[in-house]
Structures are given as structure tokens and as C-alpha cells.
Amino acid sequence: MITLETGRLRLRMFREDDLDAYAAMCADPDVMRYIGAGGPLTRADTWRQMATFLGHWQLRGYGMWAVEERATGALVGRIGFHYPEGWPDFECGWLLARASWGKGYATEGARRALQHAFTELGRERVISLIRPDNAASIRVAERLGETREGLVTLFGSEALVYGIPRERFRK
């Protein structure tokens, strides 16, 4: 499976030993406020989510990476692609542990993921689905060059569709 690197981050497959750190992230209500149904996950639900991410890789050939700091090896979040059956389009998403907010990791990792989508996966367009109140993720999307394209309903809540075509992407 594919590993990507940036100056500060390594995007790699999830491993079983990520469960403690990832479960702590997913148990934080502030981290999960804009993700899925908008609430924290149990440890068991977190394990199932990790398994789903790995299954997505098997079925689609791409998916969500675990994100670790290269300098420390600490798991700081997840960044990658999501396009399950019934999803609006090929999505690039990100989630970081609260201790990693404000460091530019989401932009840095998502930019590397987008480069991979456009060059290695041959995608013509990528979207990000963001809850309207999630100002921090809207800023990340805009830093990546994504622009607002519309609105969809996910999990009973509205989500903004931000998108970027390949020709507008800049490393």
C-alpha cells in the first residue's frame, strides 16, 4: 500500500497499534463535532472505522491514510480519500487530534494527497464536504484552492461542497 511524505508528515496505512491514539481522537467531542453524525465514537466504533478505511483501500485502491509526524512518529490524524457507494463524489478529507490543530498539518497533508489524486490516480476533480459551521476546514479547503460549489445533505445535516479541478491545482 502507498505511503506519502511531506516535510513534516508521513501518510501511511492504519495499523492495529494506532487504535489507542486514534480512539482518543475520535472520543473527543470537539474533534468529532463536524464529522459523520457529529459526535464522539466509542473505541469499538473507532476500530470498525479503521477497518472500513482499510477495506476502502482494498475495494477502491485508495483511501484514508493515518497521519504521523515524521520527527516523532506520533499519530496526529487522518487524511485521504473517501468515495463509498452513494457518496456525492471523490472526496479528500482530513481530521486531526486537537493537539495538532493550528500547525498547518491539514493543509500540508491534504495538498500532498491532492497531488497524488491528480498525478497518480488520474482524477479530474476532487471535492471536500464540510459542515457550514466548520470555519477551520473551510479555510483549509480555500488554501488548497478549492472553491464552494454547492450544498448536499449527509447524515441528516447540510454539508458544503468545495471542489477543485486538476487544472487549478498548484503544489
C-alpha atoms as a PDB file:
ATOM      1  CA  MET A   1       0.000   0.000   0.000  1.00  0.00           C
ATOM      2  CA  ILE A   2       1.060   3.555  -0.682  1.00  0.00           C
ATOM      3  CA  THR A   3       2.875   5.844   1.751  1.00  0.00           C
ATOM      4  CA  LEU A   4       3.246   9.567   1.055  1.00  0.00           C
ATOM      5  CA  GLU A   5       5.516  12.061   2.777  1.00  0.00           C
ATOM      6  CA  THR A   6       5.729  15.805   3.202  1.00  0.00           C
ATOM      7  CA  GLY A   7       8.331  17.860   5.003  1.00  0.00           C
ATOM      8  CA  ARG A   8       6.776  17.107   8.397  1.00  0.00           C
ATOM      9  CA  LEU A   9       4.271  14.297   7.854  1.00  0.00           C
ATOM     10  CA  ARG A  10       4.031  10.670   6.794  1.00  0.00           C
ATOM     11  CA  LEU A  11       0.709   9.459   5.356  1.00  0.00           C
ATOM     12  CA  ARG A  12       0.591   5.686   5.790  1.00  0.00           C
ATOM     13  CA  MET A  13      -1.821   2.811   6.263  1.00  0.00           C
ATOM     14  CA  PHE A  14      -3.597   2.416   9.566  1.00  0.00           C
ATOM     15  CA  ARG A  15      -2.147  -0.281  11.836  1.00  0.00           C
ATOM     16  CA  GLU A  16      -3.694  -2.083  14.783  1.00  0.00           C
ATOM     17  CA  ASP A  17      -1.325  -0.279  17.152  1.00  0.00           C
ATOM     18  CA  ASP A  18      -2.876   3.064  16.061  1.00  0.00           C
ATOM     19  CA  LEU A  19      -6.074   2.203  17.916  1.00  0.00           C
ATOM     20  CA  ASP A  20      -5.234   3.857  21.248  1.00  0.00           C
ATOM     21  CA  ALA A  21      -4.250   7.201  19.730  1.00  0.00           C
ATOM     22  CA  TYR A  22      -6.982   7.172  17.093  1.00  0.00           C
ATOM     23  CA  ALA A  23      -9.660   6.182  19.626  1.00  0.00           C
ATOM     24  CA  ALA A  24      -8.574   9.103  21.827  1.00  0.00           C
ATOM     25  CA  MET A  25      -9.036  11.479  18.853  1.00  0.00           C
ATOM     26  CA  CYS A  26     -12.418  10.035  17.967  1.00  0.00           C
ATOM     27  CA  ALA A  27     -13.599  10.226  21.597  1.00  0.00           C
ATOM     28  CA  ASP A  28     -13.000  13.996  21.675  1.00  0.00           C
ATOM     29  CA  PRO A  29     -16.330  15.796  21.066  1.00  0.00           C
ATOM     30  CA  ASP A  30     -14.553  18.867  19.651  1.00  0.00           C
ATOM     31  CA  VAL A  31     -12.600  16.783  17.132  1.00  0.00           C
ATOM     32  CA  MET A  32     -15.735  14.906  16.037  1.00  0.00           C
ATOM     33  CA  ARG A  33     -18.183  17.837  16.089  1.00  0.00           C
ATOM     34  CA  TYR A  34     -18.276  18.137  12.266  1.00  0.00           C
ATOM     35  CA  ILE A  35     -17.556  14.514  11.322  1.00  0.00           C
ATOM     36  CA  GLY A  36     -20.208  11.915  10.474  1.00  0.00           C
ATOM     37  CA  ALA A  37     -23.153  12.186  12.852  1.00  0.00           C
ATOM     38  CA  GLY A  38     -21.329  14.920  14.781  1.00  0.00           C
ATOM     39  CA  GLY A  39     -20.436  13.093  17.974  1.00  0.00           C
ATOM     40  CA  PRO A  40     -17.634  11.093  19.549  1.00  0.00           C
ATOM     41  CA  LEU A  41     -17.066   7.445  18.694  1.00  0.00           C
ATOM     42  CA  THR A  42     -16.630   4.546  21.096  1.00  0.00           C
ATOM     43  CA  ARG A  43     -13.393   2.581  20.974  1.00  0.00           C
ATOM     44  CA  ALA A  44     -15.242  -0.265  19.209  1.00  0.00           C
ATOM     45  CA  ASP A  45     -16.702   2.138  16.620  1.00  0.00           C
ATOM     46  CA  THR A  46     -13.238   3.608  16.087  1.00  0.00           C
ATOM     47  CA  TRP A  47     -11.819   0.134  15.441  1.00  0.00           C
ATOM     48  CA  ARG A  48     -14.601  -0.538  12.923  1.00  0.00           C
ATOM     49  CA  GLN A  49     -13.863   2.797  11.235  1.00  0.00           C
ATOM     50  CA  MET A  50     -10.190   1.865  10.893  1.00  0.00           C
ATOM     51  CA  ALA A  51     -11.230  -1.476   9.385  1.00  0.00           C
ATOM     52  CA  THR A  52     -13.553   0.365   6.981  1.00  0.00           C
ATOM     53  CA  PHE A  53     -10.673   2.607   5.888  1.00  0.00           C
ATOM     54  CA  LEU A  54      -8.541  -0.454   5.127  1.00  0.00           C
ATOM     55  CA  GLY A  55     -11.445  -2.095   3.295  1.00  0.00           C
ATOM     56  CA  HIS A  56     -11.879   1.055   1.189  1.00  0.00           C
ATOM     57  CA  TRP A  57      -8.248   0.663   0.092  1.00  0.00           C
ATOM     58  CA  GLN A  58      -8.892  -2.949  -0.892  1.00  0.00           C
ATOM     59  CA  LEU A  59     -12.072  -2.169  -2.833  1.00  0.00           C
ATOM     60  CA  ARG A  60     -11.114   1.146  -4.454  1.00  0.00           C
ATOM     61  CA  GLY A  61      -7.302   1.190  -4.459  1.00  0.00           C
ATOM     62  CA  TYR A  62      -7.207   4.439  -2.496  1.00  0.00           C
ATOM     63  CA  GLY A  63      -8.495   5.691   0.822  1.00  0.00           C
ATOM     64  CA  MET A  64      -7.738   7.326   4.125  1.00  0.00           C
ATOM     65  CA  TRP A  65      -4.194   7.451   5.490  1.00  0.00           C
ATOM     66  CA  ALA A  66      -3.117   7.581   9.108  1.00  0.00           C
ATOM     67  CA  VAL A  67      -1.024  10.745   9.535  1.00  0.00           C
ATOM     68  CA  GLU A  68       2.044  10.725  11.720  1.00  0.00           C
ATOM     69  CA  GLU A  69       4.649  13.352  12.474  1.00  0.00           C
ATOM     70  CA  ARG A  70       7.862  12.283  10.799  1.00  0.00           C
ATOM     71  CA  ALA A  71      10.007  13.671  13.611  1.00  0.00           C
ATOM     72  CA  THR A  72       8.234  11.829  16.444  1.00  0.00           C
ATOM     73  CA  GLY A  73       6.214   9.032  14.824  1.00  0.00           C
ATOM     74  CA  ALA A  74       3.159  10.255  16.759  1.00  0.00           C
ATOM     75  CA  LEU A  75      -0.244   9.665  15.154  1.00  0.00           C
ATOM     76  CA  VAL A  76      -1.829  13.097  14.664  1.00  0.00           C
ATOM     77  CA  GLY A  77      -4.844  12.376  12.461  1.00  0.00           C
ATOM     78  CA  ARG A  78      -6.125  11.072   9.176  1.00  0.00           C
ATOM     79  CA  ILE A  79      -6.105  12.499   5.671  1.00  0.00           C
ATOM     80  CA  GLY A  80      -7.153  10.941   2.422  1.00  0.00           C
ATOM     81  CA  PHE A  81      -9.891   9.894   0.097  1.00  0.00           C
ATOM     82  CA  HIS A  82     -13.424   8.732   0.646  1.00  0.00           C
ATOM     83  CA  TYR A  83     -15.766   7.574  -2.088  1.00  0.00           C
ATOM     84  CA  PRO A  84     -18.055   4.835  -0.788  1.00  0.00           C
ATOM     85  CA  GLU A  85     -21.146   3.707  -2.632  1.00  0.00           C
ATOM     86  CA  GLY A  86     -23.715   6.513  -2.776  1.00  0.00           C
ATOM     87  CA  TRP A  87     -21.228   9.296  -1.938  1.00  0.00           C
ATOM     88  CA  PRO A  88     -21.582  12.571  -3.888  1.00  0.00           C
ATOM     89  CA  ASP A  89     -18.108  12.394  -5.499  1.00  0.00           C
ATOM     90  CA  PHE A  90     -14.436  11.570  -4.897  1.00  0.00           C
ATOM     91  CA  GLU A  91     -13.674  13.347  -1.621  1.00  0.00           C
ATOM     92  CA  CYS A  92     -10.473  14.452   0.091  1.00  0.00           C
ATOM     93  CA  GLY A  93     -10.980  14.799   3.831  1.00  0.00           C
ATOM     94  CA  TRP A  94      -8.970  15.447   6.968  1.00  0.00           C
ATOM     95  CA  LEU A  95      -9.267  15.099  10.727  1.00  0.00           C
ATOM     96  CA  LEU A  96      -6.600  15.991  13.280  1.00  0.00           C
ATOM     97  CA  ALA A  97      -6.194  15.493  17.002  1.00  0.00           C
ATOM     98  CA  ARG A  98      -6.884  18.697  18.882  1.00  0.00           C
ATOM     99  CA  ALA A  99      -3.209  18.984  19.930  1.00  0.00           C
ATOM    100  CA  SER A 100      -2.310  19.192  16.220  1.00  0.00           C
ATOM    101  CA  TRP A 101      -4.713  21.979  15.284  1.00  0.00           C
ATOM    102  CA  GLY A 102      -3.223  25.244  14.033  1.00  0.00           C
ATOM    103  CA  LYS A 103       0.072  23.751  12.823  1.00  0.00           C
ATOM    104  CA  GLY A 104      -0.800  23.642   9.112  1.00  0.00           C
ATOM    105  CA  TYR A 105      -0.838  19.829   9.063  1.00  0.00           C
ATOM    106  CA  ALA A 106      -4.253  19.545   7.387  1.00  0.00           C
ATOM    107  CA  THR A 107      -3.221  21.817   4.514  1.00  0.00           C
ATOM    108  CA  GLU A 108       0.206  20.194   4.161  1.00  0.00           C
ATOM    109  CA  GLY A 109      -1.107  16.635   4.168  1.00  0.00           C
ATOM    110  CA  ALA A 110      -4.178  17.326   2.025  1.00  0.00           C
ATOM    111  CA  ARG A 111      -2.063  19.155  -0.563  1.00  0.00           C
ATOM    112  CA  ARG A 112       0.148  16.065  -0.870  1.00  0.00           C
ATOM    113  CA  ALA A 113      -2.929  13.831  -1.106  1.00  0.00           C
ATOM    114  CA  LEU A 114      -4.418  16.031  -3.850  1.00  0.00           C
ATOM    115  CA  GLN A 115      -1.148  15.880  -5.779  1.00  0.00           C
ATOM    116  CA  HIS A 116      -1.387  12.079  -5.605  1.00  0.00           C
ATOM    117  CA  ALA A 117      -5.041  12.142  -6.731  1.00  0.00           C
ATOM    118  CA  PHE A 118      -4.313  14.275  -9.765  1.00  0.00           C
ATOM    119  CA  THR A 119      -1.000  12.719 -10.836  1.00  0.00           C
ATOM    120  CA  GLU A 120      -1.110   9.070  -9.772  1.00  0.00           C
ATOM    121  CA  LEU A 121      -4.841   8.373  -9.677  1.00  0.00           C
ATOM    122  CA  GLY A 122      -5.699  10.472 -12.724  1.00  0.00           C
ATOM    123  CA  ARG A 123      -8.621  12.236 -11.038  1.00  0.00           C
ATOM    124  CA  GLU A 124     -10.057  15.183 -12.939  1.00  0.00           C
ATOM    125  CA  ARG A 125     -11.799  16.725  -9.918  1.00  0.00           C
ATOM    126  CA  VAL A 126     -11.780  16.305  -6.137  1.00  0.00           C
ATOM    127  CA  ILE A 127     -14.287  17.594  -3.595  1.00  0.00           C
ATOM    128  CA  SER A 128     -14.290  18.172   0.150  1.00  0.00           C
ATOM    129  CA  LEU A 129     -17.550  18.004   2.108  1.00  0.00           C
ATOM    130  CA  ILE A 130     -17.548  20.473   5.001  1.00  0.00           C
ATOM    131  CA  ARG A 131     -20.183  21.391   7.547  1.00  0.00           C
ATOM    132  CA  PRO A 132     -21.143  25.083   7.188  1.00  0.00           C
ATOM    133  CA  ASP A 133     -20.007  25.958  10.745  1.00  0.00           C
ATOM    134  CA  ASN A 134     -16.577  24.356  10.321  1.00  0.00           C
ATOM    135  CA  ALA A 135     -14.638  27.553   9.633  1.00  0.00           C
ATOM    136  CA  ALA A 136     -11.227  25.908  10.104  1.00  0.00           C
ATOM    137  CA  SER A 137     -11.870  23.266   7.416  1.00  0.00           C
ATOM    138  CA  ILE A 138     -13.295  25.882   5.072  1.00  0.00           C
ATOM    139  CA  ARG A 139     -10.009  27.803   5.433  1.00  0.00           C
ATOM    140  CA  VAL A 140      -8.029  24.617   4.672  1.00  0.00           C
ATOM    141  CA  ALA A 141     -10.132  23.959   1.557  1.00  0.00           C
ATOM    142  CA  GLU A 142      -9.598  27.531   0.365  1.00  0.00           C
ATOM    143  CA  ARG A 143      -5.821  27.312   0.993  1.00  0.00           C
ATOM    144  CA  LEU A 144      -5.836  24.196  -1.204  1.00  0.00           C
ATOM    145  CA  GLY A 145      -7.502  26.172  -3.998  1.00  0.00           C
ATOM    146  CA  GLU A 146     -10.930  24.599  -3.564  1.00  0.00           C
ATOM    147  CA  THR A 147     -13.982  26.773  -4.132  1.00  0.00           C
ATOM    148  CA  ARG A 148     -17.538  26.392  -2.943  1.00  0.00           C
ATOM    149  CA  GLU A 149     -19.675  24.564  -5.493  1.00  0.00           C
ATOM    150  CA  GLY A 150     -22.899  23.754  -3.685  1.00  0.00           C
ATOM    151  CA  LEU A 151     -24.653  22.031  -0.823  1.00  0.00           C
ATOM    152  CA  VAL A 152     -25.590  18.389  -0.078  1.00  0.00           C
ATOM    153  CA  THR A 153     -27.279  16.587   2.791  1.00  0.00           C
ATOM    154  CA  LEU A 154     -25.182  13.977   4.630  1.00  0.00           C
ATOM    155  CA  PHE A 155     -26.210  12.110   7.771  1.00  0.00           C
ATOM    156  CA  GLY A 156     -29.253  14.374   8.016  1.00  0.00           C
ATOM    157  CA  SER A 157     -27.170  17.582   8.015  1.00  0.00           C
ATOM    158  CA  GLU A 158     -26.122  20.010   5.338  1.00  0.00           C
ATOM    159  CA  ALA A 159     -22.566  19.970   4.034  1.00  0.00           C
ATOM    160  CA  LEU A 160     -20.896  22.472   1.755  1.00  0.00           C
ATOM    161  CA  VAL A 161     -19.292  21.044  -1.364  1.00  0.00           C
ATOM    162  CA  TYR A 162     -15.876  22.523  -2.039  1.00  0.00           C
ATOM    163  CA  GLY A 163     -14.120  21.351  -5.178  1.00  0.00           C
ATOM    164  CA  ILE A 164     -11.036  21.713  -7.301  1.00  0.00           C
ATOM    165  CA  PRO A 165     -10.385  20.538 -10.856  1.00  0.00           C
ATOM    166  CA  ARG A 166      -6.972  19.177 -11.772  1.00  0.00           C
ATOM    167  CA  GLU A 167      -6.074  22.185 -13.943  1.00  0.00           C
ATOM    168  CA  ARG A 168      -6.477  24.578 -10.998  1.00  0.00           C
ATOM    169  CA  PHE A 169      -4.363  22.582  -8.534  1.00  0.00           C
ATOM    170  CA  ARG A 170      -0.973  24.018  -7.554  1.00  0.00           C
ATOM    171  CA  LYS A 171       1.506  22.055  -5.474  1.00  0.00           C
END
